[in-house]
Amino acid sequence: MLTRHLSRFLRVRAPFRGLNTSQTTSDDKETHFGFQTVRESEKAEKVYSVFENVAGKYDLMNDAMSLGIHRVWKDIFMCRLGPTQNTKLLDMAGGTGDIAFRFLNYIKNNNVEKNCHVTVCDINADMLEVGKARSRNLNHDSALISWEKADAENLHFKNDSFNAYTIAFGIRNCTHIDRVLQEAYRVLQPGGRFMCLEFSQVENETIRWFYDKYSFQVIPVLGHILAGQWQAYQYLVESIRKFPDQETFKTMIEEAGFRVATYENLNNGIVAIHSAFKL
């Protein structure tokens, strides 16, 4: 069974024609795909393939991988955003809707729905379809939410289109994180807020040791059992280790032009909430 799943994951695929794959050979630099070294033009296709394969079981696997704690992290994330009336949110890499639905619930529960809207963007059409189906099942007001296929590194929105931008557990999968941050800055209005929820670097050495054991020895096995995707979840674990630490990522956010950049560690730095403003 394992061999069958791995061979399916590794089979030759038609090239993914995303915006990240348009580079010429001369400027096609090397980057990382988990612990592998690949050409930049390859990474977008490989990441797309990962999420294409896991889309249907993505939310189930999030529960299994984090023992359900990802729900708490996302609740805290939305509380830190604290949407108010007139919030126009761009939720990037938000395919299955977890952040968008929390936004809709927050503005409804706090009676601040007036002139609010969330645009959910993802480069993966399969993830968006899962989100749309969930939205219908949850009876969310379709006037308050829209879904668009988009590349975080090259957004089609005009300058100053939104006053809030969120990205949860998505930015580490992008080939050029600096371009994602620059695009976030561009589409935000002056005074707009950027927020990112992402796996980060655990501070305590003992906790880090146990976390590494769980990540590399348990999560890929769960991926195989629950989703038939051992290698996909091996990549997701490896991508966490390759992501910049909290201070480095904070500096990257500032270099994109943002101000008042801060971060908050949750669960000893397993994840971090990054916040900054376009001033």
C-alpha atoms as a PDB file:
ATOM      1  CA  MET A   1       0.000   0.000   0.000  1.00  0.00           C
ATOM      2  CA  LEU A   2       2.759   2.454   0.947  1.00  0.00           C
ATOM      3  CA  THR A   3       4.569   1.799  -2.337  1.00  0.00           C
ATOM      4  CA  ARG A   4       1.394   2.479  -4.280  1.00  0.00           C
ATOM      5  CA  HIS A   5       0.789   5.796  -2.535  1.00  0.00           C
ATOM      6  CA  LEU A   6       4.381   6.934  -2.980  1.00  0.00           C
ATOM      7  CA  SER A   7       4.412   6.012  -6.643  1.00  0.00           C
ATOM      8  CA  ARG A   8       1.201   7.934  -7.165  1.00  0.00           C
ATOM      9  CA  PHE A   9       2.717  10.986  -5.505  1.00  0.00           C
ATOM     10  CA  LEU A  10       5.904  10.745  -7.558  1.00  0.00           C
ATOM     11  CA  ARG A  11       4.292   9.987 -10.908  1.00  0.00           C
ATOM     12  CA  VAL A  12       5.075  12.263 -13.858  1.00  0.00           C
ATOM     13  CA  ARG A  13       2.584  15.134 -13.939  1.00  0.00           C
ATOM     14  CA  ALA A  14       1.705  17.736 -16.544  1.00  0.00           C
ATOM     15  CA  PRO A  15       3.539  20.944 -15.695  1.00  0.00           C
ATOM     16  CA  PHE A  16       1.701  23.303 -13.347  1.00  0.00           C
ATOM     17  CA  ARG A  17       1.444  26.599 -15.202  1.00  0.00           C
ATOM     18  CA  GLY A  18       1.456  28.883 -12.190  1.00  0.00           C
ATOM     19  CA  LEU A  19       3.004  32.314 -12.196  1.00  0.00           C
ATOM     20  CA  ASN A  20       6.060  31.022 -10.356  1.00  0.00           C
ATOM     21  CA  THR A  21       7.089  28.701 -13.193  1.00  0.00           C
ATOM     22  CA  SER A  22       7.638  31.326 -15.877  1.00  0.00           C
ATOM     23  CA  GLN A  23      11.309  31.935 -15.159  1.00  0.00           C
ATOM     24  CA  THR A  24      13.928  31.378 -17.814  1.00  0.00           C
ATOM     25  CA  THR A  25      16.706  28.892 -17.309  1.00  0.00           C
ATOM     26  CA  SER A  26      19.263  31.673 -16.849  1.00  0.00           C
ATOM     27  CA  ASP A  27      17.662  32.998 -13.648  1.00  0.00           C
ATOM     28  CA  ASP A  28      16.249  29.704 -12.391  1.00  0.00           C
ATOM     29  CA  LYS A  29      17.999  29.610  -9.042  1.00  0.00           C
ATOM     30  CA  GLU A  30      18.035  26.816  -6.508  1.00  0.00           C
ATOM     31  CA  THR A  31      15.715  26.806  -3.498  1.00  0.00           C
ATOM     32  CA  HIS A  32      14.426  24.287  -0.984  1.00  0.00           C
ATOM     33  CA  PHE A  33      11.427  21.992  -1.143  1.00  0.00           C
ATOM     34  CA  GLY A  34      11.443  20.661   2.377  1.00  0.00           C
ATOM     35  CA  PHE A  35      14.970  19.290   2.774  1.00  0.00           C
ATOM     36  CA  GLN A  36      15.388  18.787  -0.982  1.00  0.00           C
ATOM     37  CA  THR A  37      17.236  21.269  -3.178  1.00  0.00           C
ATOM     38  CA  VAL A  38      15.244  22.068  -6.327  1.00  0.00           C
ATOM     39  CA  ARG A  39      15.051  24.738  -9.001  1.00  0.00           C
ATOM     40  CA  GLU A  40      12.746  27.641  -8.195  1.00  0.00           C
ATOM     41  CA  SER A  41      10.681  26.780 -11.259  1.00  0.00           C
ATOM     42  CA  GLU A  42      10.057  23.301  -9.816  1.00  0.00           C
ATOM     43  CA  LYS A  43       8.958  24.320  -6.338  1.00  0.00           C
ATOM     44  CA  ALA A  44       5.585  25.834  -7.243  1.00  0.00           C
ATOM     45  CA  GLU A  45       4.645  22.685  -9.165  1.00  0.00           C
ATOM     46  CA  LYS A  46       5.726  20.416  -6.327  1.00  0.00           C
ATOM     47  CA  VAL A  47       3.849  22.448  -3.692  1.00  0.00           C
ATOM     48  CA  TYR A  48       0.768  22.533  -5.903  1.00  0.00           C
ATOM     49  CA  SER A  49       0.934  18.756  -6.213  1.00  0.00           C
ATOM     50  CA  VAL A  50       1.162  18.333  -2.435  1.00  0.00           C
ATOM     51  CA  PHE A  51      -1.994  20.326  -1.766  1.00  0.00           C
ATOM     52  CA  GLU A  52      -3.818  18.859  -4.741  1.00  0.00           C
ATOM     53  CA  ASN A  53      -3.289  15.429  -3.200  1.00  0.00           C
ATOM     54  CA  VAL A  54      -4.220  16.328   0.382  1.00  0.00           C
ATOM     55  CA  ALA A  55      -7.061  18.834  -0.206  1.00  0.00           C
ATOM     56  CA  GLY A  56      -9.887  16.437   0.657  1.00  0.00           C
ATOM     57  CA  LYS A  57      -8.313  15.372   3.948  1.00  0.00           C
ATOM     58  CA  TYR A  58      -6.491  18.598   4.812  1.00  0.00           C
ATOM     59  CA  ASP A  59      -8.702  19.623   7.731  1.00  0.00           C
ATOM     60  CA  LEU A  60      -8.800  16.108   9.178  1.00  0.00           C
ATOM     61  CA  MET A  61      -5.029  15.950   9.056  1.00  0.00           C
ATOM     62  CA  ASN A  62      -4.704  19.341  10.748  1.00  0.00           C
ATOM     63  CA  ASP A  63      -6.723  17.951  13.644  1.00  0.00           C
ATOM     64  CA  ALA A  64      -4.629  14.800  13.823  1.00  0.00           C
ATOM     65  CA  MET A  65      -1.284  16.576  13.468  1.00  0.00           C
ATOM     66  CA  SER A  66      -1.967  19.201  16.128  1.00  0.00           C
ATOM     67  CA  LEU A  67      -4.337  17.177  18.340  1.00  0.00           C
ATOM     68  CA  GLY A  68      -6.939  19.818  17.526  1.00  0.00           C
ATOM     69  CA  ILE A  69      -4.834  22.680  18.884  1.00  0.00           C
ATOM     70  CA  HIS A  70      -4.719  24.390  15.468  1.00  0.00           C
ATOM     71  CA  ARG A  71      -8.330  25.414  16.098  1.00  0.00           C
ATOM     72  CA  VAL A  72      -7.298  27.268  19.246  1.00  0.00           C
ATOM     73  CA  TRP A  73      -4.381  28.921  17.441  1.00  0.00           C
ATOM     74  CA  LYS A  74      -6.717  30.158  14.701  1.00  0.00           C
ATOM     75  CA  ASP A  75      -9.252  31.426  17.244  1.00  0.00           C
ATOM     76  CA  ILE A  76      -6.513  33.416  18.974  1.00  0.00           C
ATOM     77  CA  PHE A  77      -5.306  34.672  15.598  1.00  0.00           C
ATOM     78  CA  MET A  78      -8.739  36.066  14.747  1.00  0.00           C
ATOM     79  CA  CYS A  79      -9.128  37.636  18.184  1.00  0.00           C
ATOM     80  CA  ARG A  80      -5.781  39.376  17.709  1.00  0.00           C
ATOM     81  CA  LEU A  81      -6.970  40.719  14.350  1.00  0.00           C
ATOM     82  CA  GLY A  82     -10.156  41.985  16.017  1.00  0.00           C
ATOM     83  CA  PRO A  83     -12.146  42.925  12.898  1.00  0.00           C
ATOM     84  CA  THR A  84     -14.403  45.972  13.050  1.00  0.00           C
ATOM     85  CA  GLN A  85     -17.005  47.465  10.730  1.00  0.00           C
ATOM     86  CA  ASN A  86     -15.747  48.195   7.208  1.00  0.00           C
ATOM     87  CA  THR A  87     -13.056  45.495   7.337  1.00  0.00           C
ATOM     88  CA  LYS A  88     -12.082  44.354   3.849  1.00  0.00           C
ATOM     89  CA  LEU A  89      -9.987  41.237   4.442  1.00  0.00           C
ATOM     90  CA  LEU A  90      -7.794  39.371   1.990  1.00  0.00           C
ATOM     91  CA  ASP A  91      -7.187  35.868   3.348  1.00  0.00           C
ATOM     92  CA  MET A  92      -4.303  34.460   1.331  1.00  0.00           C
ATOM     93  CA  ALA A  93      -3.658  30.706   1.062  1.00  0.00           C
ATOM     94  CA  GLY A  94      -7.028  30.350   2.741  1.00  0.00           C
ATOM     95  CA  GLY A  95      -8.413  27.578   0.537  1.00  0.00           C
ATOM     96  CA  THR A  96     -10.476  25.501   2.960  1.00  0.00           C
ATOM     97  CA  GLY A  97     -11.877  28.582   4.697  1.00  0.00           C
ATOM     98  CA  ASP A  98     -10.741  28.107   8.284  1.00  0.00           C
ATOM     99  CA  ILE A  99      -9.672  31.739   8.773  1.00  0.00           C
ATOM    100  CA  ALA A 100     -12.438  33.215   6.618  1.00  0.00           C
ATOM    101  CA  PHE A 101     -15.149  31.378   8.548  1.00  0.00           C
ATOM    102  CA  ARG A 102     -13.707  32.599  11.828  1.00  0.00           C
ATOM    103  CA  PHE A 103     -13.783  36.119  10.418  1.00  0.00           C
ATOM    104  CA  LEU A 104     -17.446  35.755   9.469  1.00  0.00           C
ATOM    105  CA  ASN A 105     -18.339  34.317  12.865  1.00  0.00           C
ATOM    106  CA  TYR A 106     -16.416  37.075  14.649  1.00  0.00           C
ATOM    107  CA  ILE A 107     -18.096  39.971  12.860  1.00  0.00           C
ATOM    108  CA  LYS A 108     -21.514  38.347  13.346  1.00  0.00           C
ATOM    109  CA  ASN A 109     -21.033  37.577  17.043  1.00  0.00           C
ATOM    110  CA  ASN A 110     -19.690  41.078  17.698  1.00  0.00           C
ATOM    111  CA  ASN A 111     -22.334  42.794  15.573  1.00  0.00           C
ATOM    112  CA  VAL A 112     -19.797  44.507  13.293  1.00  0.00           C
ATOM    113  CA  GLU A 113     -20.871  43.027   9.946  1.00  0.00           C
ATOM    114  CA  LYS A 114     -21.556  46.417   8.329  1.00  0.00           C
ATOM    115  CA  ASN A 115     -19.523  46.832   5.124  1.00  0.00           C
ATOM    116  CA  CYS A 116     -17.339  43.812   5.912  1.00  0.00           C
ATOM    117  CA  HIS A 117     -16.124  41.320   3.338  1.00  0.00           C
ATOM    118  CA  VAL A 118     -13.495  38.589   3.063  1.00  0.00           C
ATOM    119  CA  THR A 119     -11.828  37.545  -0.177  1.00  0.00           C
ATOM    120  CA  VAL A 120     -10.338  34.062   0.093  1.00  0.00           C
ATOM    121  CA  CYS A 121      -7.430  33.429  -2.260  1.00  0.00           C
ATOM    122  CA  ASP A 122      -5.466  30.275  -2.948  1.00  0.00           C
ATOM    123  CA  ILE A 123      -3.309  29.137  -5.834  1.00  0.00           C
ATOM    124  CA  ASN A 124      -4.798  25.643  -5.579  1.00  0.00           C
ATOM    125  CA  ALA A 125      -8.242  25.174  -7.121  1.00  0.00           C
ATOM    126  CA  ASP A 126      -8.883  21.932  -5.224  1.00  0.00           C
ATOM    127  CA  MET A 127      -8.422  23.664  -1.878  1.00  0.00           C
ATOM    128  CA  LEU A 128     -10.820  26.423  -2.944  1.00  0.00           C
ATOM    129  CA  GLU A 129     -13.469  23.884  -3.935  1.00  0.00           C
ATOM    130  CA  VAL A 130     -13.240  22.311  -0.477  1.00  0.00           C
ATOM    131  CA  GLY A 131     -13.695  25.752   1.066  1.00  0.00           C
ATOM    132  CA  LYS A 132     -16.676  26.632  -1.109  1.00  0.00           C
ATOM    133  CA  ALA A 133     -18.400  23.362  -0.210  1.00  0.00           C
ATOM    134  CA  ARG A 134     -17.793  23.960   3.489  1.00  0.00           C
ATOM    135  CA  SER A 135     -19.163  27.491   3.186  1.00  0.00           C
ATOM    136  CA  ARG A 136     -22.383  26.221   1.645  1.00  0.00           C
ATOM    137  CA  ASN A 137     -22.751  23.537   4.308  1.00  0.00           C
ATOM    138  CA  LEU A 138     -22.248  26.130   7.056  1.00  0.00           C
ATOM    139  CA  ASN A 139     -24.782  28.484   5.426  1.00  0.00           C
ATOM    140  CA  HIS A 140     -22.464  31.479   5.401  1.00  0.00           C
ATOM    141  CA  ASP A 141     -23.779  34.618   3.709  1.00  0.00           C
ATOM    142  CA  SER A 142     -22.362  34.498   0.198  1.00  0.00           C
ATOM    143  CA  ALA A 143     -22.488  38.309   0.007  1.00  0.00           C
ATOM    144  CA  LEU A 144     -19.794  38.515   2.686  1.00  0.00           C
ATOM    145  CA  ILE A 145     -17.296  36.083   1.157  1.00  0.00           C
ATOM    146  CA  SER A 146     -15.768  35.489  -2.260  1.00  0.00           C
ATOM    147  CA  TRP A 147     -13.277  32.936  -3.555  1.00  0.00           C
ATOM    148  CA  GLU A 148     -10.515  33.604  -6.082  1.00  0.00           C
ATOM    149  CA  LYS A 149      -7.621  31.630  -7.498  1.00  0.00           C
ATOM    150  CA  ALA A 150      -4.516  33.766  -7.082  1.00  0.00           C
ATOM    151  CA  ASP A 151      -0.752  33.601  -6.669  1.00  0.00           C
ATOM    152  CA  ALA A 152       0.473  35.267  -3.468  1.00  0.00           C
ATOM    153  CA  GLU A 153       3.625  36.397  -5.279  1.00  0.00           C
ATOM    154  CA  ASN A 154       1.739  38.156  -8.086  1.00  0.00           C
ATOM    155  CA  LEU A 155      -1.728  39.289  -7.024  1.00  0.00           C
ATOM    156  CA  HIS A 156      -4.163  40.681  -9.572  1.00  0.00           C
ATOM    157  CA  PHE A 157      -5.713  43.187  -7.158  1.00  0.00           C
ATOM    158  CA  LYS A 158      -5.174  46.930  -7.456  1.00  0.00           C
ATOM    159  CA  ASN A 159      -3.022  48.863  -5.016  1.00  0.00           C
ATOM    160  CA  ASP A 160      -4.664  49.749  -1.685  1.00  0.00           C
ATOM    161  CA  SER A 161      -7.561  47.293  -2.146  1.00  0.00           C
ATOM    162  CA  PHE A 162      -7.832  45.887   1.397  1.00  0.00           C
ATOM    163  CA  ASN A 163      -7.386  47.062   4.972  1.00  0.00           C
ATOM    164  CA  ALA A 164      -6.469  43.656   6.394  1.00  0.00           C
ATOM    165  CA  TYR A 165      -4.397  40.747   5.058  1.00  0.00           C
ATOM    166  CA  THR A 166      -4.096  37.336   6.699  1.00  0.00           C
ATOM    167  CA  ILE A 167      -2.110  34.255   5.768  1.00  0.00           C
ATOM    168  CA  ALA A 168      -2.183  31.169   7.998  1.00  0.00           C
ATOM    169  CA  PHE A 169       0.166  28.222   7.530  1.00  0.00           C
ATOM    170  CA  GLY A 170       0.757  29.185   3.919  1.00  0.00           C
ATOM    171  CA  ILE A 171       3.665  31.550   3.504  1.00  0.00           C
ATOM    172  CA  ARG A 172       6.332  28.924   4.187  1.00  0.00           C
ATOM    173  CA  ASN A 173       5.192  27.073   1.053  1.00  0.00           C
ATOM    174  CA  CYS A 174       5.868  30.049  -1.214  1.00  0.00           C
ATOM    175  CA  THR A 175       9.011  30.150  -3.322  1.00  0.00           C
ATOM    176  CA  HIS A 176       9.777  33.834  -2.749  1.00  0.00           C
ATOM    177  CA  ILE A 177       8.599  34.939   0.681  1.00  0.00           C
ATOM    178  CA  ASP A 178       9.903  38.446   0.058  1.00  0.00           C
ATOM    179  CA  ARG A 179       7.628  38.819  -2.974  1.00  0.00           C
ATOM    180  CA  VAL A 180       4.622  37.625  -0.962  1.00  0.00           C
ATOM    181  CA  LEU A 181       5.312  40.285   1.659  1.00  0.00           C
ATOM    182  CA  GLN A 182       5.802  42.974  -0.997  1.00  0.00           C
ATOM    183  CA  GLU A 183       2.495  42.061  -2.627  1.00  0.00           C
ATOM    184  CA  ALA A 184       0.737  42.090   0.750  1.00  0.00           C
ATOM    185  CA  TYR A 185       2.118  45.576   1.335  1.00  0.00           C
ATOM    186  CA  ARG A 186       1.025  46.748  -2.119  1.00  0.00           C
ATOM    187  CA  VAL A 187      -2.611  45.641  -1.867  1.00  0.00           C
ATOM    188  CA  LEU A 188      -3.076  46.956   1.667  1.00  0.00           C
ATOM    189  CA  GLN A 189      -4.375  50.471   2.223  1.00  0.00           C
ATOM    190  CA  PRO A 190      -2.341  52.878   4.359  1.00  0.00           C
ATOM    191  CA  GLY A 191      -3.080  51.892   7.941  1.00  0.00           C
ATOM    192  CA  GLY A 192      -3.868  48.343   6.841  1.00  0.00           C
ATOM    193  CA  ARG A 193      -2.734  45.394   8.915  1.00  0.00           C
ATOM    194  CA  PHE A 194      -0.738  42.332   7.891  1.00  0.00           C
ATOM    195  CA  MET A 195      -1.082  39.211  10.042  1.00  0.00           C
ATOM    196  CA  CYS A 196       0.569  35.839   9.607  1.00  0.00           C
ATOM    197  CA  LEU A 197       0.067  32.640  11.598  1.00  0.00           C
ATOM    198  CA  GLU A 198       2.874  30.191  10.917  1.00  0.00           C
ATOM    199  CA  PHE A 199       4.802  27.327  12.445  1.00  0.00           C
ATOM    200  CA  SER A 200       7.999  28.641  13.951  1.00  0.00           C
ATOM    201  CA  GLN A 201      10.987  27.679  16.095  1.00  0.00           C
ATOM    202  CA  VAL A 202      10.394  26.117  19.513  1.00  0.00           C
ATOM    203  CA  GLU A 203      12.259  27.960  22.260  1.00  0.00           C
ATOM    204  CA  ASN A 204      12.694  25.270  24.914  1.00  0.00           C
ATOM    205  CA  GLU A 205      15.267  22.605  23.976  1.00  0.00           C
ATOM    206  CA  THR A 206      13.457  19.756  25.734  1.00  0.00           C
ATOM    207  CA  ILE A 207      10.129  20.622  24.146  1.00  0.00           C
ATOM    208  CA  ARG A 208      11.908  20.993  20.790  1.00  0.00           C
ATOM    209  CA  TRP A 209      13.345  17.472  21.085  1.00  0.00           C
ATOM    210  CA  PHE A 210       9.936  15.902  21.729  1.00  0.00           C
ATOM    211  CA  TYR A 211       8.329  18.070  19.049  1.00  0.00           C
ATOM    212  CA  ASP A 212      10.902  16.944  16.471  1.00  0.00           C
ATOM    213  CA  LYS A 213      10.326  13.299  17.340  1.00  0.00           C
ATOM    214  CA  TYR A 214       6.562  13.728  16.950  1.00  0.00           C
ATOM    215  CA  SER A 215       6.923  15.726  13.745  1.00  0.00           C
ATOM    216  CA  PHE A 216       9.251  13.377  11.880  1.00  0.00           C
ATOM    217  CA  GLN A 217       8.181  10.005  13.280  1.00  0.00           C
ATOM    218  CA  VAL A 218       4.437  10.401  13.834  1.00  0.00           C
ATOM    219  CA  ILE A 219       3.033  13.006  11.442  1.00  0.00           C
ATOM    220  CA  PRO A 220       4.124  11.278   8.176  1.00  0.00           C
ATOM    221  CA  VAL A 221       2.643   8.022   9.475  1.00  0.00           C
ATOM    222  CA  LEU A 222      -0.640   9.802  10.240  1.00  0.00           C
ATOM    223  CA  GLY A 223      -0.517  11.281   6.756  1.00  0.00           C
ATOM    224  CA  HIS A 224      -0.240   7.796   5.292  1.00  0.00           C
ATOM    225  CA  ILE A 225      -2.971   6.276   7.473  1.00  0.00           C
ATOM    226  CA  LEU A 226      -5.533   9.090   7.225  1.00  0.00           C
ATOM    227  CA  ALA A 227      -4.837  10.532   3.786  1.00  0.00           C
ATOM    228  CA  GLY A 228      -2.630   8.008   1.983  1.00  0.00           C
ATOM    229  CA  GLN A 229       0.031  10.712   1.678  1.00  0.00           C
ATOM    230  CA  TRP A 230       3.217   9.868   3.561  1.00  0.00           C
ATOM    231  CA  GLN A 231       5.566  11.941   1.408  1.00  0.00           C
ATOM    232  CA  ALA A 232       3.283  14.975   1.265  1.00  0.00           C
ATOM    233  CA  TYR A 233       3.248  15.250   5.035  1.00  0.00           C
ATOM    234  CA  GLN A 234       6.954  14.549   5.238  1.00  0.00           C
ATOM    235  CA  TYR A 235       7.374  17.652   3.086  1.00  0.00           C
ATOM    236  CA  LEU A 236       5.059  19.707   5.323  1.00  0.00           C
ATOM    237  CA  VAL A 237       7.137  18.790   8.379  1.00  0.00           C
ATOM    238  CA  GLU A 238      10.399  19.574   6.602  1.00  0.00           C
ATOM    239  CA  SER A 239       9.045  22.911   5.351  1.00  0.00           C
ATOM    240  CA  ILE A 240       8.468  23.986   8.953  1.00  0.00           C
ATOM    241  CA  ARG A 241      12.136  23.405   9.779  1.00  0.00           C
ATOM    242  CA  LYS A 242      13.251  25.422   6.757  1.00  0.00           C
ATOM    243  CA  PHE A 243      11.098  28.443   7.604  1.00  0.00           C
ATOM    244  CA  PRO A 244      12.934  31.455   9.107  1.00  0.00           C
ATOM    245  CA  ASP A 245      12.875  31.866  12.878  1.00  0.00           C
ATOM    246  CA  GLN A 246      10.739  34.520  14.527  1.00  0.00           C
ATOM    247  CA  GLU A 247      13.290  37.335  14.528  1.00  0.00           C
ATOM    248  CA  THR A 248      14.430  36.669  10.967  1.00  0.00           C
ATOM    249  CA  PHE A 249      10.871  36.654   9.652  1.00  0.00           C
ATOM    250  CA  LYS A 250      10.103  39.844  11.577  1.00  0.00           C
ATOM    251  CA  THR A 251      13.048  41.499   9.821  1.00  0.00           C
ATOM    252  CA  MET A 252      11.775  40.281   6.438  1.00  0.00           C
ATOM    253  CA  ILE A 253       8.383  41.847   7.172  1.00  0.00           C
ATOM    254  CA  GLU A 254      10.051  45.153   8.017  1.00  0.00           C
ATOM    255  CA  GLU A 255      12.187  45.018   4.872  1.00  0.00           C
ATOM    256  CA  ALA A 256       8.970  44.789   2.821  1.00  0.00           C
ATOM    257  CA  GLY A 257       8.010  48.209   4.179  1.00  0.00           C
ATOM    258  CA  PHE A 258       5.814  47.310   7.135  1.00  0.00           C
ATOM    259  CA  ARG A 259       6.084  49.083  10.476  1.00  0.00           C
ATOM    260  CA  VAL A 260       5.291  48.198  14.104  1.00  0.00           C
ATOM    261  CA  ALA A 261       6.220  44.575  13.386  1.00  0.00           C
ATOM    262  CA  THR A 262       5.711  42.262  16.359  1.00  0.00           C
ATOM    263  CA  TYR A 263       5.235  38.571  17.012  1.00  0.00           C
ATOM    264  CA  GLU A 264       3.615  36.461  19.699  1.00  0.00           C
ATOM    265  CA  ASN A 265       4.714  32.894  20.375  1.00  0.00           C
ATOM    266  CA  LEU A 266       2.061  30.288  21.106  1.00  0.00           C
ATOM    267  CA  ASN A 267       2.868  26.990  22.806  1.00  0.00           C
ATOM    268  CA  ASN A 268       6.526  27.884  23.310  1.00  0.00           C
ATOM    269  CA  GLY A 269       7.000  28.962  19.722  1.00  0.00           C
ATOM    270  CA  ILE A 270       5.511  25.961  17.947  1.00  0.00           C
ATOM    271  CA  VAL A 271       3.573  28.646  16.108  1.00  0.00           C
ATOM    272  CA  ALA A 272       3.887  32.419  16.075  1.00  0.00           C
ATOM    273  CA  ILE A 273       1.485  35.215  15.220  1.00  0.00           C
ATOM    274  CA  HIS A 274       3.202  38.009  13.300  1.00  0.00           C
ATOM    275  CA  SER A 275       1.573  41.430  13.018  1.00  0.00           C
ATOM    276  CA  ALA A 276       2.589  44.615  11.199  1.00  0.00           C
ATOM    277  CA  PHE A 277       1.062  47.722   9.636  1.00  0.00           C
ATOM    278  CA  LYS A 278       1.372  49.646   6.396  1.00  0.00           C
ATOM    279  CA  LEU A 279       1.956  53.189   7.643  1.00  0.00           C
END
